[in-house]
C-alpha atoms as a PDB file:
ATOM      1  CA  MET A   1      75.621 -38.780 -37.789  1.00  0.00           C
ATOM      2  CA  GLY A   2      78.723 -40.948 -37.402  1.00  0.00           C
ATOM      3  CA  ASN A   3      79.191 -44.440 -38.801  1.00  0.00           C
ATOM      4  CA  VAL A   4      76.285 -46.179 -37.061  1.00  0.00           C
ATOM      5  CA  PHE A   5      73.240 -46.502 -39.318  1.00  0.00           C
ATOM      6  CA  ALA A   6      69.949 -46.086 -37.459  1.00  0.00           C
ATOM      7  CA  GLU A   7      66.854 -48.012 -38.419  1.00  0.00           C
ATOM      8  CA  ILE A   8      63.932 -45.582 -38.370  1.00  0.00           C
ATOM      9  CA  PRO A   9      60.249 -46.532 -38.206  1.00  0.00           C
ATOM     10  CA  PRO A  10      57.901 -44.817 -40.677  1.00  0.00           C
ATOM     11  CA  PRO A  11      55.405 -42.253 -39.315  1.00  0.00           C
ATOM     12  CA  SER A  12      52.080 -43.546 -38.027  1.00  0.00           C
ATOM     13  CA  TYR A  13      50.140 -40.617 -39.473  1.00  0.00           C
ATOM     14  CA  TRP A  14      50.027 -39.664 -43.130  1.00  0.00           C
ATOM     15  CA  GLN A  15      50.306 -35.924 -42.351  1.00  0.00           C
ATOM     16  CA  ASP A  16      53.660 -36.581 -40.648  1.00  0.00           C
ATOM     17  CA  PHE A  17      54.801 -38.606 -43.664  1.00  0.00           C
ATOM     18  CA  GLU A  18      53.906 -35.644 -45.868  1.00  0.00           C
ATOM     19  CA  LEU A  19      55.854 -33.227 -43.622  1.00  0.00           C
ATOM     20  CA  VAL A  20      58.971 -35.433 -43.652  1.00  0.00           C
ATOM     21  CA  THR A  21      58.655 -35.672 -47.438  1.00  0.00           C
ATOM     22  CA  LEU A  22      58.350 -31.898 -47.787  1.00  0.00           C
ATOM     23  CA  ASP A  23      61.482 -31.256 -45.703  1.00  0.00           C
ATOM     24  CA  LEU A  24      63.493 -33.873 -47.587  1.00  0.00           C
ATOM     25  CA  CYS A  25      62.369 -32.353 -50.894  1.00  0.00           C
ATOM     26  CA  ARG A  26      63.471 -28.869 -49.844  1.00  0.00           C
ATOM     27  CA  LYS A  27      66.909 -30.252 -48.951  1.00  0.00           C
ATOM     28  CA  LYS A  28      67.231 -32.560 -51.956  1.00  0.00           C
ATOM     29  CA  TRP A  29      65.972 -30.050 -54.520  1.00  0.00           C
ATOM     30  CA  GLY A  30      67.534 -26.904 -53.024  1.00  0.00           C
ATOM     31  CA  ASP A  31      64.118 -25.243 -53.183  1.00  0.00           C
ATOM     32  CA  ASP A  32      63.109 -23.139 -50.165  1.00  0.00           C
ATOM     33  CA  TYR A  33      59.675 -22.661 -51.710  1.00  0.00           C
ATOM     34  CA  ALA A  34      58.723 -26.314 -52.206  1.00  0.00           C
ATOM     35  CA  GLU A  35      55.331 -26.702 -50.566  1.00  0.00           C
ATOM     36  CA  ARG A  36      52.372 -28.932 -49.868  1.00  0.00           C
ATOM     37  CA  ASN A  37      49.669 -28.853 -52.517  1.00  0.00           C
ATOM     38  CA  GLY A  38      46.324 -27.678 -51.187  1.00  0.00           C
ATOM     39  CA  ARG A  39      44.666 -29.464 -48.283  1.00  0.00           C
ATOM     40  CA  GLU A  40      43.020 -32.816 -47.745  1.00  0.00           C
ATOM     41  CA  GLY A  41      39.695 -33.003 -49.561  1.00  0.00           C
ATOM     42  CA  GLN A  42      40.704 -30.619 -52.354  1.00  0.00           C
ATOM     43  CA  SER A  43      41.429 -31.767 -55.899  1.00  0.00           C
ATOM     44  CA  GLN A  44      45.217 -32.139 -56.057  1.00  0.00           C
ATOM     45  CA  SER A  45      45.860 -33.964 -59.352  1.00  0.00           C
ATOM     46  CA  GLY A  46      47.590 -36.686 -57.364  1.00  0.00           C
ATOM     47  CA  VAL A  47      50.323 -34.330 -56.096  1.00  0.00           C
ATOM     48  CA  ASP A  48      50.897 -33.711 -52.367  1.00  0.00           C
ATOM     49  CA  VAL A  49      54.249 -31.880 -52.526  1.00  0.00           C
ATOM     50  CA  PHE A  50      55.622 -29.858 -55.413  1.00  0.00           C
ATOM     51  CA  GLY A  51      58.599 -27.646 -56.200  1.00  0.00           C
ATOM     52  CA  TYR A  52      61.586 -27.190 -58.496  1.00  0.00           C
ATOM     53  CA  ASN A  53      64.619 -29.471 -58.371  1.00  0.00           C
ATOM     54  CA  TYR A  54      67.451 -27.049 -59.110  1.00  0.00           C
ATOM     55  CA  GLY A  55      70.022 -29.841 -59.431  1.00  0.00           C
ATOM     56  CA  ALA A  56      68.064 -31.822 -62.023  1.00  0.00           C
ATOM     57  CA  LYS A  57      66.335 -28.700 -63.409  1.00  0.00           C
ATOM     58  CA  GLU A  58      62.961 -30.410 -63.123  1.00  0.00           C
ATOM     59  CA  GLN A  59      59.514 -29.252 -62.039  1.00  0.00           C
ATOM     60  CA  THR A  60      58.718 -32.065 -59.624  1.00  0.00           C
ATOM     61  CA  GLY A  61      55.644 -33.367 -57.812  1.00  0.00           C
ATOM     62  CA  VAL A  62      55.400 -36.056 -55.135  1.00  0.00           C
ATOM     63  CA  GLN A  63      52.454 -38.256 -54.227  1.00  0.00           C
ATOM     64  CA  CYS A  64      52.635 -39.526 -50.618  1.00  0.00           C
ATOM     65  CA  LYS A  65      50.648 -42.765 -50.709  1.00  0.00           C
ATOM     66  CA  LYS A  66      48.094 -43.115 -47.940  1.00  0.00           C
ATOM     67  CA  ARG A  67      45.363 -45.409 -46.735  1.00  0.00           C
ATOM     68  CA  LYS A  68      42.424 -45.073 -44.350  1.00  0.00           C
ATOM     69  CA  THR A  69      42.664 -47.156 -41.171  1.00  0.00           C
ATOM     70  CA  LYS A  70      39.732 -49.508 -40.656  1.00  0.00           C
ATOM     71  CA  LEU A  71      39.411 -48.631 -36.976  1.00  0.00           C
ATOM     72  CA  ASN A  72      38.729 -44.897 -37.167  1.00  0.00           C
ATOM     73  CA  GLY A  73      39.298 -43.870 -40.765  1.00  0.00           C
ATOM     74  CA  VAL A  74      42.408 -41.824 -39.911  1.00  0.00           C
ATOM     75  CA  ALA A  75      44.797 -41.328 -42.846  1.00  0.00           C
ATOM     76  CA  ALA A  76      48.013 -43.338 -42.480  1.00  0.00           C
ATOM     77  CA  PRO A  77      51.003 -43.797 -44.810  1.00  0.00           C
ATOM     78  CA  SER A  78      50.555 -46.678 -47.210  1.00  0.00           C
ATOM     79  CA  SER A  79      53.226 -49.386 -47.231  1.00  0.00           C
ATOM     80  CA  SER A  80      51.803 -51.163 -50.277  1.00  0.00           C
ATOM     81  CA  LEU A  81      51.884 -50.233 -53.941  1.00  0.00           C
ATOM     82  CA  THR A  82      50.812 -51.981 -57.152  1.00  0.00           C
ATOM     83  CA  THR A  83      51.451 -51.379 -60.829  1.00  0.00           C
ATOM     84  CA  LEU A  84      47.764 -50.531 -61.281  1.00  0.00           C
ATOM     85  CA  GLU A  85      48.104 -47.838 -58.605  1.00  0.00           C
ATOM     86  CA  ILE A  86      51.226 -46.503 -60.301  1.00  0.00           C
ATOM     87  CA  ASP A  87      49.336 -46.191 -63.605  1.00  0.00           C
ATOM     88  CA  ALA A  88      46.425 -44.437 -61.883  1.00  0.00           C
ATOM     89  CA  GLU A  89      48.703 -41.968 -60.079  1.00  0.00           C
ATOM     90  CA  ILE A  90      50.591 -41.182 -63.283  1.00  0.00           C
ATOM     91  CA  SER A  91      47.335 -40.519 -65.108  1.00  0.00           C
ATOM     92  CA  SER A  92      46.188 -38.176 -62.338  1.00  0.00           C
ATOM     93  CA  ALA A  93      49.513 -36.304 -62.180  1.00  0.00           C
ATOM     94  CA  LYS A  94      49.335 -35.487 -65.890  1.00  0.00           C
ATOM     95  CA  SER A  95      46.562 -32.985 -65.099  1.00  0.00           C
ATOM     96  CA  PHE A  96      48.780 -31.054 -62.661  1.00  0.00           C
ATOM     97  CA  SER A  97      49.588 -27.477 -63.654  1.00  0.00           C
ATOM     98  CA  PRO A  98      52.245 -26.525 -64.591  1.00  0.00           C
ATOM     99  CA  ASP A  99      53.315 -29.729 -66.331  1.00  0.00           C
ATOM    100  CA  LEU A 100      55.663 -31.868 -64.270  1.00  0.00           C
ATOM    101  CA  ASN A 101      59.048 -32.965 -65.576  1.00  0.00           C
ATOM    102  CA  ARG A 102      59.179 -35.653 -62.877  1.00  0.00           C
ATOM    103  CA  PHE A 103      56.554 -37.341 -60.744  1.00  0.00           C
ATOM    104  CA  VAL A 104      57.556 -39.226 -57.595  1.00  0.00           C
ATOM    105  CA  ILE A 105      55.378 -41.816 -55.847  1.00  0.00           C
ATOM    106  CA  ALA A 106      56.430 -42.167 -52.194  1.00  0.00           C
ATOM    107  CA  THR A 107      55.513 -45.116 -50.002  1.00  0.00           C
ATOM    108  CA  THR A 108      56.559 -46.386 -46.563  1.00  0.00           C
ATOM    109  CA  GLY A 109      56.967 -49.889 -47.960  1.00  0.00           C
ATOM    110  CA  PRO A 110      60.342 -51.585 -48.631  1.00  0.00           C
ATOM    111  CA  ARG A 111      62.066 -51.434 -51.999  1.00  0.00           C
ATOM    112  CA  ASP A 112      60.446 -53.651 -54.610  1.00  0.00           C
ATOM    113  CA  THR A 113      62.496 -54.698 -57.643  1.00  0.00           C
ATOM    114  CA  HIS A 114      59.347 -55.559 -59.625  1.00  0.00           C
ATOM    115  CA  LEU A 115      57.936 -52.052 -59.190  1.00  0.00           C
ATOM    116  CA  GLN A 116      61.323 -50.463 -59.896  1.00  0.00           C
ATOM    117  CA  GLU A 117      61.590 -52.387 -63.165  1.00  0.00           C
ATOM    118  CA  TYR A 118      58.037 -51.395 -64.094  1.00  0.00           C
ATOM    119  CA  VAL A 119      58.895 -47.704 -63.690  1.00  0.00           C
ATOM    120  CA  ARG A 120      62.219 -48.074 -65.533  1.00  0.00           C
ATOM    121  CA  LEU A 121      60.402 -49.525 -68.529  1.00  0.00           C
ATOM    122  CA  TYR A 122      57.835 -46.718 -68.388  1.00  0.00           C
ATOM    123  CA  ASN A 123      60.598 -44.087 -68.467  1.00  0.00           C
ATOM    124  CA  HIS A 124      62.416 -45.967 -71.246  1.00  0.00           C
ATOM    125  CA  ASN A 125      59.401 -45.478 -73.508  1.00  0.00           C
ATOM    126  CA  GLY A 126      60.135 -41.757 -73.747  1.00  0.00           C
ATOM    127  CA  HIS A 127      57.292 -40.186 -71.817  1.00  0.00           C
ATOM    128  CA  ALA A 128      57.631 -36.422 -71.246  1.00  0.00           C
ATOM    129  CA  MET A 129      56.984 -36.809 -67.514  1.00  0.00           C
ATOM    130  CA  LYS A 130      59.540 -39.086 -65.880  1.00  0.00           C
ATOM    131  CA  VAL A 131      58.493 -41.190 -62.889  1.00  0.00           C
ATOM    132  CA  SER A 132      60.426 -42.220 -59.771  1.00  0.00           C
ATOM    133  CA  LEU A 133      59.619 -44.312 -56.709  1.00  0.00           C
ATOM    134  CA  TRP A 134      60.694 -43.452 -53.168  1.00  0.00           C
ATOM    135  CA  PHE A 135      60.524 -46.310 -50.676  1.00  0.00           C
ATOM    136  CA  TRP A 136      60.981 -46.025 -46.919  1.00  0.00           C
ATOM    137  CA  ASP A 137      64.511 -47.406 -47.363  1.00  0.00           C
ATOM    138  CA  ASP A 138      65.287 -44.212 -49.310  1.00  0.00           C
ATOM    139  CA  TYR A 139      63.870 -42.093 -46.500  1.00  0.00           C
ATOM    140  CA  VAL A 140      65.960 -43.905 -43.882  1.00  0.00           C
ATOM    141  CA  GLU A 141      69.143 -43.310 -45.897  1.00  0.00           C
ATOM    142  CA  ALA A 142      68.311 -39.635 -46.407  1.00  0.00           C
ATOM    143  CA  LEU A 143      67.415 -39.052 -42.741  1.00  0.00           C
ATOM    144  CA  ASN A 144      70.582 -40.754 -41.529  1.00  0.00           C
ATOM    145  CA  SER A 145      72.634 -38.343 -43.615  1.00  0.00           C
ATOM    146  CA  ASN A 146      70.728 -35.266 -42.413  1.00  0.00           C
ATOM    147  CA  VAL A 147      71.234 -34.562 -38.720  1.00  0.00           C
ATOM    148  CA  SER A 148      68.874 -31.576 -38.564  1.00  0.00           C
ATOM    149  CA  LEU A 149      65.921 -33.623 -39.817  1.00  0.00           C
ATOM    150  CA  MET A 150      66.809 -36.486 -37.485  1.00  0.00           C
ATOM    151  CA  TYR A 151      66.706 -34.094 -34.536  1.00  0.00           C
ATOM    152  CA  ARG A 152      63.399 -32.668 -35.705  1.00  0.00           C
ATOM    153  CA  TYR A 153      61.543 -35.903 -36.340  1.00  0.00           C
ATOM    154  CA  TYR A 154      63.466 -38.682 -34.628  1.00  0.00           C
ATOM    155  CA  ASP A 155      65.257 -37.280 -31.584  1.00  0.00           C
ATOM    156  CA  ASN A 156      63.989 -40.351 -29.695  1.00  0.00           C
ATOM    157  CA  VAL A 157      66.099 -42.531 -32.006  1.00  0.00           C
ATOM    158  CA  LEU A 158      69.160 -40.415 -31.292  1.00  0.00           C
ATOM    159  CA  LYS A 159      68.509 -40.608 -27.554  1.00  0.00           C
ATOM    160  CA  TYR A 160      68.244 -44.383 -27.746  1.00  0.00           C
ATOM    161  CA  ARG A 161      71.598 -44.458 -29.526  1.00  0.00           C
ATOM    162  CA  GLN A 162      73.069 -42.203 -26.781  1.00  0.00           C
ATOM    163  CA  ARG A 163      73.902 -39.706 -29.519  1.00  0.00           C
ATOM    164  CA  TYR A 164      71.494 -37.008 -28.380  1.00  0.00           C
ATOM    165  CA  SER A 165      72.862 -33.605 -27.301  1.00  0.00           C
ATOM    166  CA  GLU A 166      70.536 -30.857 -26.064  1.00  0.00           C
ATOM    167  CA  ASP A 167      72.997 -28.172 -27.166  1.00  0.00           C
ATOM    168  CA  GLU A 168      73.343 -29.683 -30.638  1.00  0.00           C
ATOM    169  CA  HIS A 169      69.568 -30.006 -30.944  1.00  0.00           C
ATOM    170  CA  TYR A 170      69.298 -26.273 -30.188  1.00  0.00           C
ATOM    171  CA  LEU A 171      71.861 -25.441 -32.884  1.00  0.00           C
ATOM    172  CA  GLN A 172      70.178 -27.768 -35.396  1.00  0.00           C
ATOM    173  CA  MET A 173      66.859 -26.077 -34.644  1.00  0.00           C
ATOM    174  CA  LEU A 174      68.481 -22.679 -35.304  1.00  0.00           C
ATOM    175  CA  VAL A 175      69.837 -23.928 -38.634  1.00  0.00           C
ATOM    176  CA  VAL A 176      66.303 -24.764 -39.718  1.00  0.00           C
ATOM    177  CA  ALA A 177      64.987 -21.467 -38.337  1.00  0.00           C
ATOM    178  CA  PHE A 178      67.610 -19.300 -40.052  1.00  0.00           C
ATOM    179  CA  ASP A 179      67.727 -21.255 -43.311  1.00  0.00           C
ATOM    180  CA  ARG A 180      64.924 -19.183 -44.822  1.00  0.00           C
ATOM    181  CA  PRO A 181      64.666 -16.373 -47.411  1.00  0.00           C
ATOM    182  CA  ALA A 182      64.281 -13.653 -44.725  1.00  0.00           C
ATOM    183  CA  ILE A 183      67.873 -14.369 -43.672  1.00  0.00           C
ATOM    184  CA  ARG A 184      69.577 -15.855 -46.735  1.00  0.00           C
ATOM    185  CA  THR A 185      68.182 -13.452 -49.351  1.00  0.00           C
ATOM    186  CA  ALA A 186      69.057  -9.753 -49.714  1.00  0.00           C
ATOM    187  CA  PHE A 187      66.395  -7.469 -48.252  1.00  0.00           C
ATOM    188  CA  HIS A 188      65.528  -5.684 -51.516  1.00  0.00           C
ATOM    189  CA  LEU A 189      64.435  -9.039 -52.971  1.00  0.00           C
ATOM    190  CA  GLU A 190      61.744  -9.536 -50.320  1.00  0.00           C
ATOM    191  CA  ASN A 191      58.157  -9.605 -51.589  1.00  0.00           C
ATOM    192  CA  ARG A 192      56.538  -8.042 -48.528  1.00  0.00           C
ATOM    193  CA  ALA A 193      58.200  -6.144 -45.693  1.00  0.00           C
ATOM    194  CA  THR A 194      55.472  -7.157 -43.239  1.00  0.00           C
ATOM    195  CA  ASP A 195      56.131 -10.841 -43.985  1.00  0.00           C
ATOM    196  CA  PHE A 196      59.832 -10.177 -43.438  1.00  0.00           C
ATOM    197  CA  ILE A 197      59.147  -8.608 -40.030  1.00  0.00           C
ATOM    198  CA  GLU A 198      56.915 -11.540 -39.075  1.00  0.00           C
ATOM    199  CA  ALA A 199      59.687 -13.981 -40.062  1.00  0.00           C
ATOM    200  CA  ILE A 200      62.196 -12.096 -37.896  1.00  0.00           C
ATOM    201  CA  SER A 201      59.737 -12.226 -34.987  1.00  0.00           C
ATOM    202  CA  LEU A 202      59.482 -16.020 -35.356  1.00  0.00           C
ATOM    203  CA  LEU A 203      63.284 -16.229 -35.369  1.00  0.00           C
ATOM    204  CA  GLN A 204      63.456 -14.227 -32.155  1.00  0.00           C
ATOM    205  CA  GLN A 205      60.978 -16.595 -30.550  1.00  0.00           C
ATOM    206  CA  ALA A 206      62.967 -19.645 -31.674  1.00  0.00           C
ATOM    207  CA  VAL A 207      66.266 -18.248 -30.325  1.00  0.00           C
ATOM    208  CA  THR A 208      64.738 -17.266 -26.973  1.00  0.00           C
ATOM    209  CA  THR A 209      62.387 -20.177 -26.261  1.00  0.00           C
ATOM    210  CA  GLY A 210      63.723 -23.081 -28.341  1.00  0.00           C
ATOM    211  CA  VAL A 211      60.314 -23.407 -30.027  1.00  0.00           C
ATOM    212  CA  LEU A 212      60.288 -23.011 -33.812  1.00  0.00           C
ATOM    213  CA  LYS A 213      56.897 -22.288 -35.361  1.00  0.00           C
ATOM    214  CA  ASP A 214      55.728 -21.575 -38.893  1.00  0.00           C
ATOM    215  CA  LYS A 215      53.677 -18.498 -39.758  1.00  0.00           C
ATOM    216  CA  SER A 216      50.465 -20.415 -39.025  1.00  0.00           C
ATOM    217  CA  GLY A 217      51.589 -21.088 -35.466  1.00  0.00           C
ATOM    218  CA  HIS A 218      52.290 -24.799 -35.952  1.00  0.00           C
ATOM    219  CA  VAL A 219      55.310 -26.119 -34.058  1.00  0.00           C
ATOM    220  CA  ILE A 220      58.058 -27.300 -36.421  1.00  0.00           C
ATOM    221  CA  ASP A 221      60.612 -28.228 -33.765  1.00  0.00           C
ATOM    222  CA  GLN A 222      61.239 -27.601 -30.094  1.00  0.00           C
ATOM    223  CA  CYS A 223      64.167 -28.174 -27.758  1.00  0.00           C
ATOM    224  CA  ARG A 224      65.711 -26.974 -24.518  1.00  0.00           C
ATOM    225  CA  VAL A 225      67.532 -23.648 -24.586  1.00  0.00           C
ATOM    226  CA  PRO A 226      71.149 -23.974 -23.328  1.00  0.00           C
ATOM    227  CA  LYS A 227      71.493 -23.082 -19.652  1.00  0.00           C
ATOM    228  CA  THR A 228      74.351 -20.703 -20.439  1.00  0.00           C
ATOM    229  CA  THR A 229      73.724 -18.099 -23.146  1.00  0.00           C
ATOM    230  CA  SER A 230      76.799 -17.638 -25.339  1.00  0.00           C
ATOM    231  CA  ALA A 231      78.058 -14.229 -26.414  1.00  0.00           C
ATOM    232  CA  GLU A 232      77.122 -15.109 -29.992  1.00  0.00           C
ATOM    233  CA  ILE A 233      73.500 -15.860 -29.083  1.00  0.00           C
ATOM    234  CA  LYS A 234      73.271 -12.636 -27.083  1.00  0.00           C
ATOM    235  CA  ASP A 235      74.541 -10.694 -30.098  1.00  0.00           C
ATOM    236  CA  ILE A 236      72.138 -12.525 -32.431  1.00  0.00           C
ATOM    237  CA  LYS A 237      69.212 -11.554 -30.201  1.00  0.00           C
ATOM    238  CA  LYS A 238      70.335  -7.928 -30.183  1.00  0.00           C
ATOM    239  CA  LYS A 239      70.789  -7.743 -33.950  1.00  0.00           C
ATOM    240  CA  LEU A 240      67.468  -9.468 -34.705  1.00  0.00           C
ATOM    241  CA  GLN A 241      65.716  -6.854 -32.583  1.00  0.00           C
ATOM    242  CA  SER A 242      67.550  -4.106 -34.501  1.00  0.00           C
ATOM    243  CA  ILE A 243      66.493  -5.629 -37.843  1.00  0.00           C
ATOM    244  CA  ARG A 244      62.885  -5.776 -36.730  1.00  0.00           C
ATOM    245  CA  ALA A 245      62.907  -2.227 -35.368  1.00  0.00           C
ATOM    246  CA  ILE A 246      64.582  -0.725 -38.453  1.00  0.00           C
ATOM    247  CA  ALA A 247      62.221  -2.468 -40.897  1.00  0.00           C
ATOM    248  CA  THR A 248      59.169  -1.471 -38.852  1.00  0.00           C
ATOM    249  CA  GLU A 249      60.323   2.145 -38.672  1.00  0.00           C
ATOM    250  CA  GLY A 250      61.054   2.108 -42.416  1.00  0.00           C
ATOM    251  CA  ILE A 251      57.448   1.213 -43.179  1.00  0.00           C
ATOM    252  CA  LYS A 252      56.125   3.730 -40.686  1.00  0.00           C
ATOM    253  CA  THR A 253      58.174   6.619 -42.133  1.00  0.00           C
ATOM    254  CA  GLY A 254      57.508   5.705 -45.769  1.00  0.00           C
ATOM    255  CA  ARG A 255      61.081   4.761 -46.612  1.00  0.00           C
ATOM    256  CA  ILE A 256      59.835   1.229 -47.356  1.00  0.00           C
ATOM    257  CA  ILE A 257      56.751   1.024 -49.570  1.00  0.00           C
ATOM    258  CA  GLU A 258      54.890  -2.240 -50.062  1.00  0.00           C
ATOM    259  CA  HIS A 259      53.378  -3.002 -53.461  1.00  0.00           C
ATOM    260  CA  GLN A 260      51.372  -6.099 -54.352  1.00  0.00           C
ATOM    261  CA  THR A 261      54.317  -8.394 -55.057  1.00  0.00           C
ATOM    262  CA  VAL A 262      57.443  -6.304 -54.392  1.00  0.00           C
ATOM    263  CA  ILE A 263      58.785  -3.760 -51.940  1.00  0.00           C
ATOM    264  CA  GLU A 264      60.205  -0.369 -52.892  1.00  0.00           C
ATOM    265  CA  ILE A 265      63.073   0.952 -50.766  1.00  0.00           C
ATOM    266  CA  LEU A 266      63.506   4.705 -51.028  1.00  0.00           C
ATOM    267  CA  ASP A 267      66.493   4.869 -48.686  1.00  0.00           C
ATOM    268  CA  ARG A 268      69.528   2.897 -49.922  1.00  0.00           C
ATOM    269  CA  SER A 269      71.303   3.318 -46.591  1.00  0.00           C
ATOM    270  CA  LEU A 270      68.438   1.545 -44.828  1.00  0.00           C
ATOM    271  CA  GLN A 271      68.718  -1.374 -47.251  1.00  0.00           C
ATOM    272  CA  ASP A 272      72.492  -1.564 -46.682  1.00  0.00           C
ATOM    273  CA  GLN A 273      71.997  -1.426 -42.917  1.00  0.00           C
ATOM    274  CA  LEU A 274      69.510  -4.313 -42.925  1.00  0.00           C
ATOM    275  CA  ASN A 275      71.699  -6.421 -45.196  1.00  0.00           C
ATOM    276  CA  LYS A 276      74.744  -5.827 -42.982  1.00  0.00           C
ATOM    277  CA  LEU A 277      72.818  -6.831 -39.868  1.00  0.00           C
ATOM    278  CA  ARG A 278      71.548  -9.926 -41.691  1.00  0.00           C
ATOM    279  CA  LYS A 279      75.125 -10.844 -42.615  1.00  0.00           C
ATOM    280  CA  ASP A 280      76.354 -10.234 -39.059  1.00  0.00           C
ATOM    281  CA  VAL A 281      73.643 -12.507 -37.624  1.00  0.00           C
ATOM    282  CA  VAL A 282      74.594 -15.360 -39.975  1.00  0.00           C
ATOM    283  CA  GLU A 283      78.306 -14.939 -39.192  1.00  0.00           C
ATOM    284  CA  LYS A 284      77.591 -15.129 -35.449  1.00  0.00           C
ATOM    285  CA  LEU A 285      75.513 -18.277 -35.892  1.00  0.00           C
ATOM    286  CA  ASN A 286      78.127 -19.876 -38.171  1.00  0.00           C
ATOM    287  CA  ALA A 287      80.718 -19.191 -35.478  1.00  0.00           C
ATOM    288  CA  LEU A 288      78.730 -21.618 -33.299  1.00  0.00           C
ATOM    289  CA  LEU A 289      77.972 -24.121 -36.054  1.00  0.00           C
ATOM    290  CA  LYS A 290      81.526 -24.609 -37.333  1.00  0.00           C
ATOM    291  CA  PRO A 291      83.094 -26.014 -34.116  1.00  0.00           C
ATOM    292  CA  ALA A 292      80.023 -28.240 -33.709  1.00  0.00           C
ATOM    293  CA  ASN A 293      80.640 -29.674 -37.218  1.00  0.00           C
ATOM    294  CA  ILE A 294      77.234 -28.493 -38.393  1.00  0.00           C
ATOM    295  CA  GLU A 295      76.844 -27.236 -41.953  1.00  0.00           C
ATOM    296  CA  GLU A 296      77.015 -23.458 -42.007  1.00  0.00           C
ATOM    297  CA  ILE A 297      74.350 -21.181 -43.471  1.00  0.00           C
ATOM    298  CA  GLU A 298      75.067 -19.369 -46.715  1.00  0.00           C
ATOM    299  CA  ILE A 299      73.620 -15.979 -47.571  1.00  0.00           C
ATOM    300  CA  ARG A 300      72.821 -14.634 -51.012  1.00  0.00           C
ATOM    301  CA  GLU A 301      73.299 -11.156 -52.383  1.00  0.00           C
ATOM    302  CA  TYR A 302      70.965 -11.749 -55.319  1.00  0.00           C
END
């Protein structure tokens, strides 16, 4: 992001605050499978986002504080927090299953030394579940150090700073699109081949249109597609289509069998072919990311 620190306003809507929190958690924890907990109106044990922090080795839950606006009752992020609210949220989080090693209370308010001291003393007393506070200052620091999330949520800030690049936004969108298990994880470790094919289809759409959607059809990010299509992008499109066609044919011919939670691959050559194509796609994308000084995507063989 360079050396200029951008002040970023908090989201107006609580759902957006929750989405920003989820994406930061996935990055911070190194957990692709961190997710939102249930939906509004369901019993959530005070946890909105949960996952596993691989760095700290902690099962972690986050409560995104919200309030109801007086005008229309719409949920908005809460910028205020009290020690009584902290106690109540901790009590609620203790009923979450599985047990949390760490519970984070997130607010859009500024850092508060009184609240920080209160939580430090709580943790000092040796409770099994540790507690942390995330203030909006922490979000601003994290977003400023993560270009892809800045492009996704605050491209208007970048434009105001004359830092915005349509081509870089496209590449950052592709990083988010390709940084998923369907690409980074070996094919034989997939849970369902049909989900894999659907994920590849969403990748194709993102590469071609600049619109990245999740499997529910919600738009995650969107940007302009570069006017000139590079040789790497053309090759990525071609190889993604091959991956999709090979996996689809594998199911159709019975060489890939779906069970309830795993897939069975009867043809080792098909598995090797899909993994090679997956590796080729990532190498082509990294060839574009490296000269743009964007963090490259890593793939796993396990």
